Amino acid sequence: MKYLKFSQYIYIIAGLYFLYDCIATWNADRSHAYLSLFLFALATFMFFFRRHFHKKYDDRNNKQ
């Protein structure tokens, strides 16, 4: 279960990629940039969501 601790950071890496893609394609293809912006927001949300539940899981295991 050690990989669950590090898997949340994959979302940050993906989010940074989508933010870069959004900035790079903003003037060329606006609809693609909006899609990348949405995926950036989704990846950021998933990072915090996974981090919250990982801390909750750790607290539950440490309590027992």
PDB file of N, CA and C in Angstrom:
ATOM      1  N   MET A   1       0.806  -1.194   0.000  1.00  0.00           N
ATOM      2  CA  MET A   1       0.000   0.000   0.000  1.00  0.00           C
ATOM      3  C   MET A   1       0.857   1.269   0.000  1.00  0.00           C
ATOM      4  N   LYS A   2       2.135   1.110  -0.061  1.00  0.00           N
ATOM      5  CA  LYS A   2       3.043   2.257  -0.074  1.00  0.00           C
ATOM      6  C   LYS A   2       2.863   3.095  -1.344  1.00  0.00           C
ATOM      7  N   TYR A   3       2.463   2.445  -2.438  1.00  0.00           N
ATOM      8  CA  TYR A   3       2.313   3.171  -3.690  1.00  0.00           C
ATOM      9  C   TYR A   3       1.161   4.170  -3.637  1.00  0.00           C
ATOM     10  N   LEU A   4       0.175   3.961  -2.771  1.00  0.00           N
ATOM     11  CA  LEU A   4      -0.934   4.904  -2.653  1.00  0.00           C
ATOM     12  C   LEU A   4      -0.469   6.254  -2.126  1.00  0.00           C
ATOM     13  N   LYS A   5       0.592   6.241  -1.336  1.00  0.00           N
ATOM     14  CA  LYS A   5       1.133   7.492  -0.809  1.00  0.00           C
ATOM     15  C   LYS A   5       1.718   8.353  -1.928  1.00  0.00           C
ATOM     16  N   PHE A   6       2.303   7.715  -2.920  1.00  0.00           N
ATOM     17  CA  PHE A   6       2.959   8.453  -3.997  1.00  0.00           C
ATOM     18  C   PHE A   6       2.075   8.649  -5.217  1.00  0.00           C
ATOM     19  N   SER A   7       0.993   7.886  -5.319  1.00  0.00           N
ATOM     20  CA  SER A   7       0.150   7.992  -6.507  1.00  0.00           C
ATOM     21  C   SER A   7      -0.580   9.321  -6.583  1.00  0.00           C
ATOM     22  N   GLN A   8      -0.776   9.991  -5.455  1.00  0.00           N
ATOM     23  CA  GLN A   8      -1.453  11.286  -5.497  1.00  0.00           C
ATOM     24  C   GLN A   8      -0.615  12.337  -6.218  1.00  0.00           C
ATOM     25  N   TYR A   9       0.684  12.179  -6.221  1.00  0.00           N
ATOM     26  CA  TYR A   9       1.546  13.149  -6.889  1.00  0.00           C
ATOM     27  C   TYR A   9       1.539  13.000  -8.403  1.00  0.00           C
ATOM     28  N   ILE A  10       1.053  11.883  -8.895  1.00  0.00           N
ATOM     29  CA  ILE A  10       0.888  11.725 -10.344  1.00  0.00           C
ATOM     30  C   ILE A  10      -0.129  12.735 -10.853  1.00  0.00           C
ATOM     31  N   TYR A  11      -1.145  13.026 -10.034  1.00  0.00           N
ATOM     32  CA  TYR A  11      -2.148  14.006 -10.429  1.00  0.00           C
ATOM     33  C   TYR A  11      -1.550  15.408 -10.525  1.00  0.00           C
ATOM     34  N   ILE A  12      -0.618  15.732  -9.659  1.00  0.00           N
ATOM     35  CA  ILE A  12       0.035  17.045  -9.742  1.00  0.00           C
ATOM     36  C   ILE A  12       0.876  17.136 -11.016  1.00  0.00           C
ATOM     37  N   ILE A  13       1.590  16.069 -11.330  1.00  0.00           N
ATOM     38  CA  ILE A  13       2.404  16.063 -12.549  1.00  0.00           C
ATOM     39  C   ILE A  13       1.521  16.194 -13.781  1.00  0.00           C
ATOM     40  N   ALA A  14       0.407  15.441 -13.799  1.00  0.00           N
ATOM     41  CA  ALA A  14      -0.520  15.538 -14.926  1.00  0.00           C
ATOM     42  C   ALA A  14      -1.136  16.931 -15.004  1.00  0.00           C
ATOM     43  N   GLY A  15      -1.475  17.504 -13.854  1.00  0.00           N
ATOM     44  CA  GLY A  15      -2.045  18.845 -13.836  1.00  0.00           C
ATOM     45  C   GLY A  15      -1.090  19.889 -14.379  1.00  0.00           C
ATOM     46  N   LEU A  16       0.172  19.775 -14.032  1.00  0.00           N
ATOM     47  CA  LEU A  16       1.164  20.710 -14.557  1.00  0.00           C
ATOM     48  C   LEU A  16       1.318  20.569 -16.067  1.00  0.00           C
ATOM     49  N   TYR A  17       1.255  19.331 -16.545  1.00  0.00           N
ATOM     50  CA  TYR A  17       1.321  19.114 -17.994  1.00  0.00           C
ATOM     51  C   TYR A  17       0.121  19.764 -18.694  1.00  0.00           C
ATOM     52  N   PHE A  18      -1.075  19.577 -18.143  1.00  0.00           N
ATOM     53  CA  PHE A  18      -2.263  20.150 -18.770  1.00  0.00           C
ATOM     54  C   PHE A  18      -2.251  21.680 -18.692  1.00  0.00           C
ATOM     55  N   LEU A  19      -1.706  22.239 -17.629  1.00  0.00           N
ATOM     56  CA  LEU A  19      -1.581  23.690 -17.546  1.00  0.00           C
ATOM     57  C   LEU A  19      -0.607  24.205 -18.607  1.00  0.00           C
ATOM     58  N   TYR A  20       0.512  23.516 -18.782  1.00  0.00           N
ATOM     59  CA  TYR A  20       1.463  23.893 -19.830  1.00  0.00           C
ATOM     60  C   TYR A  20       0.815  23.787 -21.210  1.00  0.00           C
ATOM     61  N   ASP A  21       0.069  22.713 -21.433  1.00  0.00           N
ATOM     62  CA  ASP A  21      -0.600  22.516 -22.720  1.00  0.00           C
ATOM     63  C   ASP A  21      -1.632  23.613 -22.963  1.00  0.00           C
ATOM     64  N   CYS A  22      -2.329  24.012 -21.917  1.00  0.00           N
ATOM     65  CA  CYS A  22      -3.310  25.092 -22.049  1.00  0.00           C
ATOM     66  C   CYS A  22      -2.641  26.394 -22.445  1.00  0.00           C
ATOM     67  N   ILE A  23      -1.554  26.722 -21.785  1.00  0.00           N
ATOM     68  CA  ILE A  23      -0.846  27.974 -22.078  1.00  0.00           C
ATOM     69  C   ILE A  23      -0.245  27.936 -23.485  1.00  0.00           C
ATOM     70  N   ALA A  24       0.287  26.774 -23.869  1.00  0.00           N
ATOM     71  CA  ALA A  24       0.941  26.660 -25.175  1.00  0.00           C
ATOM     72  C   ALA A  24      -0.049  26.748 -26.337  1.00  0.00           C
ATOM     73  N   THR A  25      -1.277  26.273 -26.135  1.00  0.00           N
ATOM     74  CA  THR A  25      -2.238  26.248 -27.240  1.00  0.00           C
ATOM     75  C   THR A  25      -3.337  27.302 -27.109  1.00  0.00           C
ATOM     76  N   TRP A  26      -3.184  28.254 -26.206  1.00  0.00           N
ATOM     77  CA  TRP A  26      -4.240  29.236 -25.963  1.00  0.00           C
ATOM     78  C   TRP A  26      -4.552  30.056 -27.217  1.00  0.00           C
ATOM     79  N   ASN A  27      -3.547  30.542 -27.926  1.00  0.00           N
ATOM     80  CA  ASN A  27      -3.790  31.377 -29.101  1.00  0.00           C
ATOM     81  C   ASN A  27      -4.086  30.567 -30.355  1.00  0.00           C
ATOM     82  N   ALA A  28      -3.598  29.351 -30.427  1.00  0.00           N
ATOM     83  CA  ALA A  28      -3.766  28.555 -31.639  1.00  0.00           C
ATOM     84  C   ALA A  28      -5.130  27.865 -31.698  1.00  0.00           C
ATOM     85  N   ASP A  29      -5.504  27.185 -30.621  1.00  0.00           N
ATOM     86  CA  ASP A  29      -6.752  26.410 -30.624  1.00  0.00           C
ATOM     87  C   ASP A  29      -7.426  26.588 -29.270  1.00  0.00           C
ATOM     88  N   ARG A  30      -8.356  27.506 -29.205  1.00  0.00           N
ATOM     89  CA  ARG A  30      -8.967  27.877 -27.935  1.00  0.00           C
ATOM     90  C   ARG A  30      -9.782  26.728 -27.335  1.00  0.00           C
ATOM     91  N   SER A  31     -10.454  25.918 -28.157  1.00  0.00           N
ATOM     92  CA  SER A  31     -11.263  24.821 -27.603  1.00  0.00           C
ATOM     93  C   SER A  31     -10.372  23.752 -26.974  1.00  0.00           C
ATOM     94  N   HIS A  32      -9.227  23.482 -27.562  1.00  0.00           N
ATOM     95  CA  HIS A  32      -8.276  22.537 -26.979  1.00  0.00           C
ATOM     96  C   HIS A  32      -7.700  23.093 -25.672  1.00  0.00           C
ATOM     97  N   ALA A  33      -7.494  24.387 -25.637  1.00  0.00           N
ATOM     98  CA  ALA A  33      -6.966  25.022 -24.421  1.00  0.00           C
ATOM     99  C   ALA A  33      -7.982  24.939 -23.288  1.00  0.00           C
ATOM    100  N   TYR A  34      -9.263  25.104 -23.594  1.00  0.00           N
ATOM    101  CA  TYR A  34     -10.298  24.975 -22.568  1.00  0.00           C
ATOM    102  C   TYR A  34     -10.376  23.547 -22.035  1.00  0.00           C
ATOM    103  N   LEU A  35     -10.206  22.573 -22.911  1.00  0.00           N
ATOM    104  CA  LEU A  35     -10.198  21.175 -22.479  1.00  0.00           C
ATOM    105  C   LEU A  35      -9.003  20.914 -21.559  1.00  0.00           C
ATOM    106  N   SER A  36      -7.853  21.434 -21.907  1.00  0.00           N
ATOM    107  CA  SER A  36      -6.670  21.277 -21.060  1.00  0.00           C
ATOM    108  C   SER A  36      -6.851  21.988 -19.724  1.00  0.00           C
ATOM    109  N   LEU A  37      -7.500  23.123 -19.732  1.00  0.00           N
ATOM    110  CA  LEU A  37      -7.766  23.850 -18.498  1.00  0.00           C
ATOM    111  C   LEU A  37      -8.715  23.063 -17.596  1.00  0.00           C
ATOM    112  N   PHE A  38      -9.726  22.439 -18.188  1.00  0.00           N
ATOM    113  CA  PHE A  38     -10.643  21.598 -17.430  1.00  0.00           C
ATOM    114  C   PHE A  38      -9.913  20.397 -16.836  1.00  0.00           C
ATOM    115  N   LEU A  39      -9.055  19.767 -17.611  1.00  0.00           N
ATOM    116  CA  LEU A  39      -8.303  18.614 -17.111  1.00  0.00           C
ATOM    117  C   LEU A  39      -7.311  19.020 -16.029  1.00  0.00           C
ATOM    118  N   PHE A  40      -6.754  20.217 -16.120  1.00  0.00           N
ATOM    119  CA  PHE A  40      -5.896  20.746 -15.060  1.00  0.00           C
ATOM    120  C   PHE A  40      -6.683  20.895 -13.760  1.00  0.00           C
ATOM    121  N   ALA A  41      -7.878  21.462 -13.855  1.00  0.00           N
ATOM    122  CA  ALA A  41      -8.715  21.636 -12.667  1.00  0.00           C
ATOM    123  C   ALA A  41      -9.116  20.280 -12.084  1.00  0.00           C
ATOM    124  N   LEU A  42      -9.431  19.333 -12.929  1.00  0.00           N
ATOM    125  CA  LEU A  42      -9.797  17.997 -12.476  1.00  0.00           C
ATOM    126  C   LEU A  42      -8.629  17.293 -11.792  1.00  0.00           C
ATOM    127  N   ALA A  43      -7.443  17.408 -12.358  1.00  0.00           N
ATOM    128  CA  ALA A  43      -6.261  16.782 -11.759  1.00  0.00           C
ATOM    129  C   ALA A  43      -5.921  17.426 -10.417  1.00  0.00           C
ATOM    130  N   THR A  44      -6.088  18.731 -10.315  1.00  0.00           N
ATOM    131  CA  THR A  44      -5.839  19.414  -9.046  1.00  0.00           C
ATOM    132  C   THR A  44      -6.843  18.967  -7.988  1.00  0.00           C
ATOM    133  N   PHE A  45      -8.109  18.865  -8.369  1.00  0.00           N
ATOM    134  CA  PHE A  45      -9.133  18.380  -7.448  1.00  0.00           C
ATOM    135  C   PHE A  45      -8.831  16.957  -6.992  1.00  0.00           C
ATOM    136  N   MET A  46      -8.432  16.101  -7.928  1.00  0.00           N
ATOM    137  CA  MET A  46      -8.137  14.708  -7.583  1.00  0.00           C
ATOM    138  C   MET A  46      -6.935  14.609  -6.651  1.00  0.00           C
ATOM    139  N   PHE A  47      -5.954  15.486  -6.789  1.00  0.00           N
ATOM    140  CA  PHE A  47      -4.814  15.488  -5.877  1.00  0.00           C
ATOM    141  C   PHE A  47      -5.274  15.738  -4.450  1.00  0.00           C
ATOM    142  N   PHE A  48      -6.063  16.798  -4.261  1.00  0.00           N
ATOM    143  CA  PHE A  48      -6.517  17.121  -2.910  1.00  0.00           C
ATOM    144  C   PHE A  48      -7.486  16.080  -2.370  1.00  0.00           C
ATOM    145  N   PHE A  49      -8.307  15.511  -3.240  1.00  0.00           N
ATOM    146  CA  PHE A  49      -9.231  14.459  -2.844  1.00  0.00           C
ATOM    147  C   PHE A  49      -8.475  13.226  -2.371  1.00  0.00           C
ATOM    148  N   ARG A  50      -7.471  12.801  -3.131  1.00  0.00           N
ATOM    149  CA  ARG A  50      -6.676  11.633  -2.750  1.00  0.00           C
ATOM    150  C   ARG A  50      -5.864  11.897  -1.493  1.00  0.00           C
ATOM    151  N   ARG A  51      -5.343  13.104  -1.356  1.00  0.00           N
ATOM    152  CA  ARG A  51      -4.560  13.441  -0.174  1.00  0.00           C
ATOM    153  C   ARG A  51      -5.429  13.430   1.079  1.00  0.00           C
ATOM    154  N   HIS A  52      -6.651  13.942   0.960  1.00  0.00           N
ATOM    155  CA  HIS A  52      -7.573  13.951   2.095  1.00  0.00           C
ATOM    156  C   HIS A  52      -7.877  12.531   2.553  1.00  0.00           C
ATOM    157  N   PHE A  53      -8.200  11.640   1.620  1.00  0.00           N
ATOM    158  CA  PHE A  53      -8.549  10.285   2.005  1.00  0.00           C
ATOM    159  C   PHE A  53      -7.339   9.470   2.438  1.00  0.00           C
ATOM    160  N   HIS A  54      -6.157   9.810   1.942  1.00  0.00           N
ATOM    161  CA  HIS A  54      -4.955   9.125   2.411  1.00  0.00           C
ATOM    162  C   HIS A  54      -4.672   9.487   3.869  1.00  0.00           C
ATOM    163  N   LYS A  55      -4.836  10.765   4.213  1.00  0.00           N
ATOM    164  CA  LYS A  55      -4.646  11.176   5.607  1.00  0.00           C
ATOM    165  C   LYS A  55      -5.703  10.543   6.504  1.00  0.00           C
ATOM    166  N   LYS A  56      -6.920  10.454   6.017  1.00  0.00           N
ATOM    167  CA  LYS A  56      -7.998   9.830   6.786  1.00  0.00           C
ATOM    168  C   LYS A  56      -7.693   8.352   7.025  1.00  0.00           C
ATOM    169  N   TYR A  57      -7.177   7.675   6.019  1.00  0.00           N
ATOM    170  CA  TYR A  57      -6.806   6.265   6.123  1.00  0.00           C
ATOM    171  C   TYR A  57      -5.654   6.082   7.111  1.00  0.00           C
ATOM    172  N   ASP A  58      -4.656   6.955   7.056  1.00  0.00           N
ATOM    173  CA  ASP A  58      -3.527   6.880   7.993  1.00  0.00           C
ATOM    174  C   ASP A  58      -3.968   7.124   9.430  1.00  0.00           C
ATOM    175  N   ASP A  59      -4.835   8.107   9.622  1.00  0.00           N
ATOM    176  CA  ASP A  59      -5.339   8.385  10.982  1.00  0.00           C
ATOM    177  C   ASP A  59      -6.097   7.200  11.542  1.00  0.00           C
ATOM    178  N   ARG A  60      -6.880   6.550  10.700  1.00  0.00           N
ATOM    179  CA  ARG A  60      -7.634   5.382  11.144  1.00  0.00           C
ATOM    180  C   ARG A  60      -6.706   4.234  11.514  1.00  0.00           C
ATOM    181  N   ASN A  61      -5.644   4.037  10.739  1.00  0.00           N
ATOM    182  CA  ASN A  61      -4.690   2.958  11.040  1.00  0.00           C
ATOM    183  C   ASN A  61      -3.849   3.263  12.269  1.00  0.00           C
ATOM    184  N   ASN A  62      -3.519   4.516  12.490  1.00  0.00           N
ATOM    185  CA  ASN A  62      -2.715   4.893  13.648  1.00  0.00           C
ATOM    186  C   ASN A  62      -3.542   4.846  14.940  1.00  0.00           C
ATOM    187  N   LYS A  63      -4.840   4.980  14.812  1.00  0.00           N
ATOM    188  CA  LYS A  63      -5.710   4.980  15.971  1.00  0.00           C
ATOM    189  C   LYS A  63      -5.859   3.587  16.576  1.00  0.00           C
ATOM    190  N   GLN A  64      -5.806   2.575  15.732  1.00  0.00           N
ATOM    191  CA  GLN A  64      -6.018   1.194  16.188  1.00  0.00           C
ATOM    192  C   GLN A  64      -4.818   0.640  16.872  1.00  0.00           C
TER     193      GLN A  64
END
